[in-house]
PDB file of N, CA and C in Angstrom:
ATOM      1  N   MET A   1       0.830  -1.180   0.000  1.00  0.00           N
ATOM      2  CA  MET A   1       0.000   0.000   0.000  1.00  0.00           C
ATOM      3  C   MET A   1       0.879   1.249   0.000  1.00  0.00           C
ATOM      4  N   LYS A   2       0.532   2.194  -0.838  1.00  0.00           N
ATOM      5  CA  LYS A   2       1.287   3.438  -0.906  1.00  0.00           C
ATOM      6  C   LYS A   2       0.661   4.469   0.028  1.00  0.00           C
ATOM      7  N   TYR A   3       1.492   5.188   0.735  1.00  0.00           N
ATOM      8  CA  TYR A   3       1.025   6.257   1.601  1.00  0.00           C
ATOM      9  C   TYR A   3       1.012   7.570   0.830  1.00  0.00           C
ATOM     10  N   ALA A   4       0.144   8.470   1.216  1.00  0.00           N
ATOM     11  CA  ALA A   4      -0.018   9.738   0.501  1.00  0.00           C
ATOM     12  C   ALA A   4       1.265  10.554   0.504  1.00  0.00           C
ATOM     13  N   HIS A   5       2.005  10.526   1.595  1.00  0.00           N
ATOM     14  CA  HIS A   5       3.237  11.302   1.683  1.00  0.00           C
ATOM     15  C   HIS A   5       4.389  10.654   0.912  1.00  0.00           C
ATOM     16  N   ASP A   6       4.236   9.409   0.525  1.00  0.00           N
ATOM     17  CA  ASP A   6       5.225   8.770  -0.348  1.00  0.00           C
ATOM     18  C   ASP A   6       4.981   9.131  -1.811  1.00  0.00           C
ATOM     19  N   ILE A   7       3.761   9.513  -2.144  1.00  0.00           N
ATOM     20  CA  ILE A   7       3.421   9.892  -3.514  1.00  0.00           C
ATOM     21  C   ILE A   7       3.711  11.364  -3.753  1.00  0.00           C
ATOM     22  N   ILE A   8       3.258  12.230  -2.853  1.00  0.00           N
ATOM     23  CA  ILE A   8       3.484  13.675  -2.966  1.00  0.00           C
ATOM     24  C   ILE A   8       4.792  13.985  -2.244  1.00  0.00           C
ATOM     25  N   LEU A   9       5.835  14.319  -2.995  1.00  0.00           N
ATOM     26  CA  LEU A   9       7.149  14.516  -2.391  1.00  0.00           C
ATOM     27  C   LEU A   9       7.348  15.935  -1.876  1.00  0.00           C
ATOM     28  N   ARG A  10       7.084  16.945  -2.741  1.00  0.00           N
ATOM     29  CA  ARG A  10       7.286  18.338  -2.324  1.00  0.00           C
ATOM     30  C   ARG A  10       6.604  19.259  -3.314  1.00  0.00           C
ATOM     31  N   PRO A  11       6.267  20.487  -2.877  1.00  0.00           N
ATOM     32  CA  PRO A  11       5.740  21.460  -3.842  1.00  0.00           C
ATOM     33  C   PRO A  11       6.879  22.050  -4.666  1.00  0.00           C
ATOM     34  N   VAL A  12       6.569  22.436  -5.894  1.00  0.00           N
ATOM     35  CA  VAL A  12       7.546  23.091  -6.764  1.00  0.00           C
ATOM     36  C   VAL A  12       7.272  24.585  -6.683  1.00  0.00           C
ATOM     37  N   LEU A  13       8.178  25.318  -6.065  1.00  0.00           N
ATOM     38  CA  LEU A  13       7.996  26.746  -5.829  1.00  0.00           C
ATOM     39  C   LEU A  13       8.835  27.532  -6.823  1.00  0.00           C
ATOM     40  N   THR A  14       8.236  27.819  -7.977  1.00  0.00           N
ATOM     41  CA  THR A  14       8.900  28.572  -9.028  1.00  0.00           C
ATOM     42  C   THR A  14       8.018  29.754  -9.401  1.00  0.00           C
ATOM     43  N   GLU A  15       8.546  30.611 -10.252  1.00  0.00           N
ATOM     44  CA  GLU A  15       7.788  31.776 -10.690  1.00  0.00           C
ATOM     45  C   GLU A  15       6.531  31.353 -11.452  1.00  0.00           C
ATOM     46  N   LYS A  16       6.665  30.373 -12.307  1.00  0.00           N
ATOM     47  CA  LYS A  16       5.509  29.872 -13.056  1.00  0.00           C
ATOM     48  C   LYS A  16       4.499  29.221 -12.102  1.00  0.00           C
ATOM     49  N   GLY A  17       4.988  28.556 -11.081  1.00  0.00           N
ATOM     50  CA  GLY A  17       4.106  27.934 -10.101  1.00  0.00           C
ATOM     51  C   GLY A  17       3.322  28.958  -9.302  1.00  0.00           C
ATOM     52  N   TYR A  18       3.967  30.074  -8.958  1.00  0.00           N
ATOM     53  CA  TYR A  18       3.284  31.134  -8.213  1.00  0.00           C
ATOM     54  C   TYR A  18       2.181  31.785  -9.044  1.00  0.00           C
ATOM     55  N   ASP A  19       2.380  31.878 -10.359  1.00  0.00           N
ATOM     56  CA  ASP A  19       1.376  32.497 -11.226  1.00  0.00           C
ATOM     57  C   ASP A  19       0.080  31.689 -11.246  1.00  0.00           C
ATOM     58  N   GLY A  20       0.150  30.408 -11.062  1.00  0.00           N
ATOM     59  CA  GLY A  20      -1.038  29.570 -11.111  1.00  0.00           C
ATOM     60  C   GLY A  20      -1.813  29.501  -9.817  1.00  0.00           C
ATOM     61  N   ILE A  21      -1.241  29.987  -8.711  1.00  0.00           N
ATOM     62  CA  ILE A  21      -1.909  29.889  -7.415  1.00  0.00           C
ATOM     63  C   ILE A  21      -3.223  30.663  -7.413  1.00  0.00           C
ATOM     64  N   ALA A  22      -3.267  31.810  -8.069  1.00  0.00           N
ATOM     65  CA  ALA A  22      -4.498  32.608  -8.115  1.00  0.00           C
ATOM     66  C   ALA A  22      -5.614  31.859  -8.862  1.00  0.00           C
ATOM     67  N   ASP A  23      -5.257  30.986  -9.800  1.00  0.00           N
ATOM     68  CA  ASP A  23      -6.237  30.210 -10.563  1.00  0.00           C
ATOM     69  C   ASP A  23      -6.477  28.829  -9.959  1.00  0.00           C
ATOM     70  N   LYS A  24      -5.992  28.614  -8.745  1.00  0.00           N
ATOM     71  CA  LYS A  24      -6.091  27.329  -8.039  1.00  0.00           C
ATOM     72  C   LYS A  24      -5.404  26.221  -8.828  1.00  0.00           C
ATOM     73  N   ARG A  25      -4.222  26.532  -9.341  1.00  0.00           N
ATOM     74  CA  ARG A  25      -3.402  25.561 -10.067  1.00  0.00           C
ATOM     75  C   ARG A  25      -2.065  25.458  -9.338  1.00  0.00           C
ATOM     76  N   TYR A  26      -1.726  24.262  -8.892  1.00  0.00           N
ATOM     77  CA  TYR A  26      -0.537  24.042  -8.077  1.00  0.00           C
ATOM     78  C   TYR A  26       0.368  23.015  -8.750  1.00  0.00           C
ATOM     79  N   VAL A  27       1.656  23.076  -8.407  1.00  0.00           N
ATOM     80  CA  VAL A  27       2.641  22.156  -8.982  1.00  0.00           C
ATOM     81  C   VAL A  27       3.316  21.402  -7.836  1.00  0.00           C
ATOM     82  N   PHE A  28       3.382  20.079  -7.967  1.00  0.00           N
ATOM     83  CA  PHE A  28       4.031  19.228  -6.972  1.00  0.00           C
ATOM     84  C   PHE A  28       4.987  18.278  -7.662  1.00  0.00           C
ATOM     85  N   GLU A  29       6.067  17.949  -6.969  1.00  0.00           N
ATOM     86  CA  GLU A  29       6.937  16.866  -7.418  1.00  0.00           C
ATOM     87  C   GLU A  29       6.389  15.587  -6.808  1.00  0.00           C
ATOM     88  N   VAL A  30       6.222  14.574  -7.640  1.00  0.00           N
ATOM     89  CA  VAL A  30       5.594  13.329  -7.194  1.00  0.00           C
ATOM     90  C   VAL A  30       6.518  12.147  -7.479  1.00  0.00           C
ATOM     91  N   ALA A  31       6.154  11.000  -6.941  1.00  0.00           N
ATOM     92  CA  ALA A  31       6.926   9.774  -7.161  1.00  0.00           C
ATOM     93  C   ALA A  31       6.878   9.393  -8.629  1.00  0.00           C
ATOM     94  N   LEU A  32       7.968   8.829  -9.136  1.00  0.00           N
ATOM     95  CA  LEU A  32       8.062   8.480 -10.552  1.00  0.00           C
ATOM     96  C   LEU A  32       7.037   7.433 -10.982  1.00  0.00           C
ATOM     97  N   ASN A  33       6.651   6.544 -10.078  1.00  0.00           N
ATOM     98  CA  ASN A  33       5.739   5.464 -10.445  1.00  0.00           C
ATOM     99  C   ASN A  33       4.279   5.779 -10.104  1.00  0.00           C
ATOM    100  N   ALA A  34       3.979   7.003  -9.685  1.00  0.00           N
ATOM    101  CA  ALA A  34       2.606   7.370  -9.328  1.00  0.00           C
ATOM    102  C   ALA A  34       1.812   7.737 -10.574  1.00  0.00           C
ATOM    103  N   ASN A  35       0.544   7.318 -10.615  1.00  0.00           N
ATOM    104  CA  ASN A  35      -0.315   7.700 -11.733  1.00  0.00           C
ATOM    105  C   ASN A  35      -1.261   8.816 -11.296  1.00  0.00           C
ATOM    106  N   LYS A  36      -2.066   9.327 -12.232  1.00  0.00           N
ATOM    107  CA  LYS A  36      -2.906  10.484 -11.964  1.00  0.00           C
ATOM    108  C   LYS A  36      -3.962  10.217 -10.895  1.00  0.00           C
ATOM    109  N   ILE A  37      -4.526   9.024 -10.889  1.00  0.00           N
ATOM    110  CA  ILE A  37      -5.553   8.682  -9.903  1.00  0.00           C
ATOM    111  C   ILE A  37      -4.948   8.635  -8.508  1.00  0.00           C
ATOM    112  N   GLU A  38      -3.763   8.037  -8.373  1.00  0.00           N
ATOM    113  CA  GLU A  38      -3.097   7.982  -7.064  1.00  0.00           C
ATOM    114  C   GLU A  38      -2.723   9.383  -6.585  1.00  0.00           C
ATOM    115  N   ILE A  39      -2.285  10.242  -7.495  1.00  0.00           N
ATOM    116  CA  ILE A  39      -1.916  11.611  -7.123  1.00  0.00           C
ATOM    117  C   ILE A  39      -3.137  12.361  -6.625  1.00  0.00           C
ATOM    118  N   LYS A  40      -4.260  12.217  -7.314  1.00  0.00           N
ATOM    119  CA  LYS A  40      -5.497  12.897  -6.914  1.00  0.00           C
ATOM    120  C   LYS A  40      -5.944  12.445  -5.524  1.00  0.00           C
ATOM    121  N   LYS A  41      -5.950  11.142  -5.280  1.00  0.00           N
ATOM    122  CA  LYS A  41      -6.371  10.616  -3.979  1.00  0.00           C
ATOM    123  C   LYS A  41      -5.414  11.049  -2.874  1.00  0.00           C
ATOM    124  N   ALA A  42      -4.108  11.047  -3.164  1.00  0.00           N
ATOM    125  CA  ALA A  42      -3.119  11.430  -2.154  1.00  0.00           C
ATOM    126  C   ALA A  42      -3.265  12.906  -1.777  1.00  0.00           C
ATOM    127  N   LEU A  43      -3.515  13.775  -2.756  1.00  0.00           N
ATOM    128  CA  LEU A  43      -3.687  15.190  -2.452  1.00  0.00           C
ATOM    129  C   LEU A  43      -4.931  15.440  -1.615  1.00  0.00           C
ATOM    130  N   GLU A  44      -6.012  14.716  -1.895  1.00  0.00           N
ATOM    131  CA  GLU A  44      -7.236  14.895  -1.125  1.00  0.00           C
ATOM    132  C   GLU A  44      -7.100  14.334   0.291  1.00  0.00           C
ATOM    133  N   ILE A  45      -6.141  13.428   0.506  1.00  0.00           N
ATOM    134  CA  ILE A  45      -5.870  12.934   1.863  1.00  0.00           C
ATOM    135  C   ILE A  45      -4.977  13.923   2.606  1.00  0.00           C
ATOM    136  N   VAL A  46      -3.921  14.411   1.946  1.00  0.00           N
ATOM    137  CA  VAL A  46      -2.972  15.319   2.602  1.00  0.00           C
ATOM    138  C   VAL A  46      -3.628  16.669   2.904  1.00  0.00           C
ATOM    139  N   PHE A  47      -4.423  17.180   1.966  1.00  0.00           N
ATOM    140  CA  PHE A  47      -5.134  18.449   2.142  1.00  0.00           C
ATOM    141  C   PHE A  47      -6.632  18.149   2.120  1.00  0.00           C
ATOM    142  N   PRO A  48      -7.263  17.907   3.279  1.00  0.00           N
ATOM    143  CA  PRO A  48      -8.649  17.416   3.292  1.00  0.00           C
ATOM    144  C   PRO A  48      -9.698  18.423   2.822  1.00  0.00           C
ATOM    145  N   ASN A  49      -9.410  19.710   2.743  1.00  0.00           N
ATOM    146  CA  ASN A  49     -10.409  20.708   2.365  1.00  0.00           C
ATOM    147  C   ASN A  49     -10.497  20.957   0.869  1.00  0.00           C
ATOM    148  N   ILE A  50      -9.767  20.220   0.041  1.00  0.00           N
ATOM    149  CA  ILE A  50      -9.730  20.516  -1.390  1.00  0.00           C
ATOM    150  C   ILE A  50     -10.443  19.439  -2.195  1.00  0.00           C
ATOM    151  N   LYS A  51     -10.854  19.830  -3.408  1.00  0.00           N
ATOM    152  CA  LYS A  51     -11.408  18.889  -4.387  1.00  0.00           C
ATOM    153  C   LYS A  51     -10.623  19.083  -5.671  1.00  0.00           C
ATOM    154  N   VAL A  52     -10.000  18.025  -6.161  1.00  0.00           N
ATOM    155  CA  VAL A  52      -9.148  18.096  -7.342  1.00  0.00           C
ATOM    156  C   VAL A  52     -10.010  17.942  -8.590  1.00  0.00           C
ATOM    157  N   LYS A  53      -9.854  18.878  -9.524  1.00  0.00           N
ATOM    158  CA  LYS A  53     -10.571  18.823 -10.796  1.00  0.00           C
ATOM    159  C   LYS A  53      -9.795  17.999 -11.815  1.00  0.00           C
ATOM    160  N   SER A  54      -8.495  18.301 -11.979  1.00  0.00           N
ATOM    161  CA  SER A  54      -7.691  17.572 -12.956  1.00  0.00           C
ATOM    162  C   SER A  54      -6.245  17.503 -12.503  1.00  0.00           C
ATOM    163  N   VAL A  55      -5.544  16.496 -13.015  1.00  0.00           N
ATOM    164  CA  VAL A  55      -4.122  16.293 -12.748  1.00  0.00           C
ATOM    165  C   VAL A  55      -3.428  16.066 -14.078  1.00  0.00           C
ATOM    166  N   ASN A  56      -2.444  16.890 -14.386  1.00  0.00           N
ATOM    167  CA  ASN A  56      -1.604  16.697 -15.563  1.00  0.00           C
ATOM    168  C   ASN A  56      -0.197  16.399 -15.074  1.00  0.00           C
ATOM    169  N   THR A  57       0.451  15.400 -15.671  1.00  0.00           N
ATOM    170  CA  THR A  57       1.783  15.019 -15.230  1.00  0.00           C
ATOM    171  C   THR A  57       2.812  15.298 -16.313  1.00  0.00           C
ATOM    172  N   LEU A  58       4.046  15.510 -15.861  1.00  0.00           N
ATOM    173  CA  LEU A  58       5.161  15.801 -16.744  1.00  0.00           C
ATOM    174  C   LEU A  58       6.379  15.072 -16.198  1.00  0.00           C
ATOM    175  N   ARG A  59       7.048  14.327 -17.053  1.00  0.00           N
ATOM    176  CA  ARG A  59       8.232  13.567 -16.632  1.00  0.00           C
ATOM    177  C   ARG A  59       9.433  14.091 -17.396  1.00  0.00           C
ATOM    178  N   THR A  60      10.473  14.504 -16.682  1.00  0.00           N
ATOM    179  CA  THR A  60      11.670  15.043 -17.323  1.00  0.00           C
ATOM    180  C   THR A  60      12.843  14.115 -17.052  1.00  0.00           C
ATOM    181  N   GLU A  61      13.612  13.848 -18.089  1.00  0.00           N
ATOM    182  CA  GLU A  61      14.816  13.030 -17.937  1.00  0.00           C
ATOM    183  C   GLU A  61      15.901  13.856 -17.264  1.00  0.00           C
ATOM    184  N   GLY A  62      16.810  13.183 -16.588  1.00  0.00           N
ATOM    185  CA  GLY A  62      17.938  13.860 -15.990  1.00  0.00           C
ATOM    186  C   GLY A  62      18.933  14.307 -17.044  1.00  0.00           C
ATOM    187  N   LYS A  63      19.545  15.457 -16.818  1.00  0.00           N
ATOM    188  CA  LYS A  63      20.537  15.968 -17.764  1.00  0.00           C
ATOM    189  C   LYS A  63      21.887  15.289 -17.536  1.00  0.00           C
ATOM    190  N   ILE A  64      22.662  15.172 -18.594  1.00  0.00           N
ATOM    191  CA  ILE A  64      24.005  14.610 -18.472  1.00  0.00           C
ATOM    192  C   ILE A  64      24.939  15.716 -17.994  1.00  0.00           C
ATOM    193  N   LYS A  65      25.646  15.447 -16.919  1.00  0.00           N
ATOM    194  CA  LYS A  65      26.610  16.392 -16.354  1.00  0.00           C
ATOM    195  C   LYS A  65      27.989  15.743 -16.366  1.00  0.00           C
ATOM    196  N   ARG A  66      29.016  16.558 -16.599  1.00  0.00           N
ATOM    197  CA  ARG A  66      30.381  16.044 -16.637  1.00  0.00           C
ATOM    198  C   ARG A  66      31.231  16.732 -15.595  1.00  0.00           C
ATOM    199  N   GLN A  67      32.134  15.966 -15.040  1.00  0.00           N
ATOM    200  CA  GLN A  67      33.147  16.475 -14.125  1.00  0.00           C
ATOM    201  C   GLN A  67      34.458  15.866 -14.594  1.00  0.00           C
ATOM    202  N   GLY A  68      35.170  16.595 -15.451  1.00  0.00           N
ATOM    203  CA  GLY A  68      36.388  16.042 -16.035  1.00  0.00           C
ATOM    204  C   GLY A  68      36.041  14.944 -17.025  1.00  0.00           C
ATOM    205  N   MET A  69      36.636  13.767 -16.833  1.00  0.00           N
ATOM    206  CA  MET A  69      36.355  12.671 -17.759  1.00  0.00           C
ATOM    207  C   MET A  69      35.169  11.821 -17.323  1.00  0.00           C
ATOM    208  N   HIS A  70      34.622  12.083 -16.151  1.00  0.00           N
ATOM    209  CA  HIS A  70      33.494  11.299 -15.639  1.00  0.00           C
ATOM    210  C   HIS A  70      32.186  11.982 -16.009  1.00  0.00           C
ATOM    211  N   ALA A  71      31.227  11.203 -16.435  1.00  0.00           N
ATOM    212  CA  ALA A  71      29.910  11.726 -16.796  1.00  0.00           C
ATOM    213  C   ALA A  71      28.847  11.006 -15.977  1.00  0.00           C
ATOM    214  N   GLY A  72      27.799  11.725 -15.631  1.00  0.00           N
ATOM    215  CA  GLY A  72      26.682  11.147 -14.883  1.00  0.00           C
ATOM    216  C   GLY A  72      25.414  11.902 -15.217  1.00  0.00           C
ATOM    217  N   ARG A  73      24.330  11.508 -14.614  1.00  0.00           N
ATOM    218  CA  ARG A  73      23.042  12.142 -14.866  1.00  0.00           C
ATOM    219  C   ARG A  73      22.478  12.725 -13.576  1.00  0.00           C
ATOM    220  N   THR A  74      21.752  13.829 -13.731  1.00  0.00           N
ATOM    221  CA  THR A  74      20.982  14.351 -12.614  1.00  0.00           C
ATOM    222  C   THR A  74      19.733  13.482 -12.487  1.00  0.00           C
ATOM    223  N   PRO A  75      19.065  13.514 -11.346  1.00  0.00           N
ATOM    224  CA  PRO A  75      17.912  12.628 -11.152  1.00  0.00           C
ATOM    225  C   PRO A  75      16.749  12.966 -12.087  1.00  0.00           C
ATOM    226  N   GLU A  76      15.992  11.937 -12.431  1.00  0.00           N
ATOM    227  CA  GLU A  76      14.772  12.107 -13.215  1.00  0.00           C
ATOM    228  C   GLU A  76      13.678  12.614 -12.283  1.00  0.00           C
ATOM    229  N   VAL A  77      12.799  13.486 -12.783  1.00  0.00           N
ATOM    230  CA  VAL A  77      11.785  14.126 -11.955  1.00  0.00           C
ATOM    231  C   VAL A  77      10.424  13.989 -12.627  1.00  0.00           C
ATOM    232  N   LYS A  78       9.386  13.783 -11.806  1.00  0.00           N
ATOM    233  CA  LYS A  78       8.013  13.788 -12.310  1.00  0.00           C
ATOM    234  C   LYS A  78       7.243  14.866 -11.557  1.00  0.00           C
ATOM    235  N   LYS A  79       6.579  15.749 -12.309  1.00  0.00           N
ATOM    236  CA  LYS A  79       5.798  16.826 -11.712  1.00  0.00           C
ATOM    237  C   LYS A  79       4.325  16.613 -12.013  1.00  0.00           C
ATOM    238  N   ALA A  80       3.488  17.076 -11.102  1.00  0.00           N
ATOM    239  CA  ALA A  80       2.045  17.019 -11.300  1.00  0.00           C
ATOM    240  C   ALA A  80       1.496  18.439 -11.230  1.00  0.00           C
ATOM    241  N   TYR A  81       0.811  18.851 -12.283  1.00  0.00           N
ATOM    242  CA  TYR A  81       0.112  20.138 -12.317  1.00  0.00           C
ATOM    243  C   TYR A  81      -1.328  19.858 -11.925  1.00  0.00           C
ATOM    244  N   VAL A  82      -1.740  20.366 -10.765  1.00  0.00           N
ATOM    245  CA  VAL A  82      -3.036  20.041 -10.182  1.00  0.00           C
ATOM    246  C   VAL A  82      -3.938  21.266 -10.236  1.00  0.00           C
ATOM    247  N   THR A  83      -5.149  21.091 -10.782  1.00  0.00           N
ATOM    248  CA  THR A  83      -6.146  22.149 -10.822  1.00  0.00           C
ATOM    249  C   THR A  83      -7.277  21.767  -9.883  1.00  0.00           C
ATOM    250  N   LEU A  84      -7.680  22.712  -9.034  1.00  0.00           N
ATOM    251  CA  LEU A  84      -8.778  22.475  -8.100  1.00  0.00           C
ATOM    252  C   LEU A  84     -10.092  22.951  -8.704  1.00  0.00           C
ATOM    253  N   THR A  85     -11.205  22.433  -8.179  1.00  0.00           N
ATOM    254  CA  THR A  85     -12.518  22.856  -8.645  1.00  0.00           C
ATOM    255  C   THR A  85     -12.793  24.280  -8.187  1.00  0.00           C
ATOM    256  N   GLU A  86     -13.796  24.914  -8.798  1.00  0.00           N
ATOM    257  CA  GLU A  86     -14.138  26.306  -8.473  1.00  0.00           C
ATOM    258  C   GLU A  86     -14.619  26.448  -7.036  1.00  0.00           C
ATOM    259  N   ASP A  87     -15.394  25.489  -6.531  1.00  0.00           N
ATOM    260  CA  ASP A  87     -15.934  25.596  -5.175  1.00  0.00           C
ATOM    261  C   ASP A  87     -14.972  25.084  -4.106  1.00  0.00           C
ATOM    262  N   SER A  88     -13.808  24.606  -4.498  1.00  0.00           N
ATOM    263  CA  SER A  88     -12.818  24.095  -3.557  1.00  0.00           C
ATOM    264  C   SER A  88     -12.099  25.239  -2.851  1.00  0.00           C
ATOM    265  N   LYS A  89     -11.707  24.997  -1.613  1.00  0.00           N
ATOM    266  CA  LYS A  89     -10.897  25.977  -0.892  1.00  0.00           C
ATOM    267  C   LYS A  89      -9.463  25.914  -1.408  1.00  0.00           C
ATOM    268  N   PRO A  90      -8.727  27.034  -1.382  1.00  0.00           N
ATOM    269  CA  PRO A  90      -7.311  26.979  -1.787  1.00  0.00           C
ATOM    270  C   PRO A  90      -6.490  26.212  -0.753  1.00  0.00           C
ATOM    271  N   ILE A  91      -5.328  25.740  -1.151  1.00  0.00           N
ATOM    272  CA  ILE A  91      -4.445  24.999  -0.251  1.00  0.00           C
ATOM    273  C   ILE A  91      -3.804  25.990   0.714  1.00  0.00           C
ATOM    274  N   GLU A  92      -3.928  25.724   2.016  1.00  0.00           N
ATOM    275  CA  GLU A  92      -3.470  26.653   3.060  1.00  0.00           C
ATOM    276  C   GLU A  92      -1.965  26.846   3.041  1.00  0.00           C
ATOM    277  N   PHE A  93      -1.223  25.838   2.615  1.00  0.00           N
ATOM    278  CA  PHE A  93       0.247  25.925   2.579  1.00  0.00           C
ATOM    279  C   PHE A  93       0.709  27.073   1.693  1.00  0.00           C
ATOM    280  N   PHE A  94      -0.013  27.343   0.612  1.00  0.00           N
ATOM    281  CA  PHE A  94       0.364  28.362  -0.357  1.00  0.00           C
ATOM    282  C   PHE A  94      -0.251  29.728  -0.090  1.00  0.00           C
ATOM    283  N   GLU A  95      -1.053  29.873   0.972  1.00  0.00           N
ATOM    284  CA  GLU A  95      -1.808  31.103   1.240  1.00  0.00           C
ATOM    285  C   GLU A  95      -0.928  32.343   1.335  1.00  0.00           C
ATOM    286  N   GLY A  96       0.165  32.304   2.067  1.00  0.00           N
ATOM    287  CA  GLY A  96       0.994  33.477   2.281  1.00  0.00           C
ATOM    288  C   GLY A  96       2.002  33.739   1.162  1.00  0.00           C
ATOM    289  N   MET A  97       1.985  32.941   0.112  1.00  0.00           N
ATOM    290  CA  MET A  97       2.997  33.059  -0.935  1.00  0.00           C
ATOM    291  C   MET A  97       2.525  33.852  -2.144  1.00  0.00           C
ATOM    292  N   ILE A  98       1.277  34.241  -2.162  1.00  0.00           N
ATOM    293  CA  ILE A  98       0.763  34.985  -3.326  1.00  0.00           C
ATOM    294  C   ILE A  98       1.274  36.391  -3.317  1.00  0.00           C
TER     295      ILE A  98
END
């Protein structure tokens, strides 16, 4: 069984992310193996006052980085763009960041 806090890793706090807060659109970094249904259920458990309208996911490959003759990759990341319903309350964590 997956726990909600294992699926939702952290919020993505960027300039583009802040622009969506007024429209009840939030960005979270999620587990690589999580699907949209699991993300929706996990968010409604972690933040009980919200209703999720839609979840869009984006998976980015890690970039190749070099240090001299050695090459490696940065970690792969999966983000979830979450839109709340019109009658839903905003997420309290983001209240003071607008």
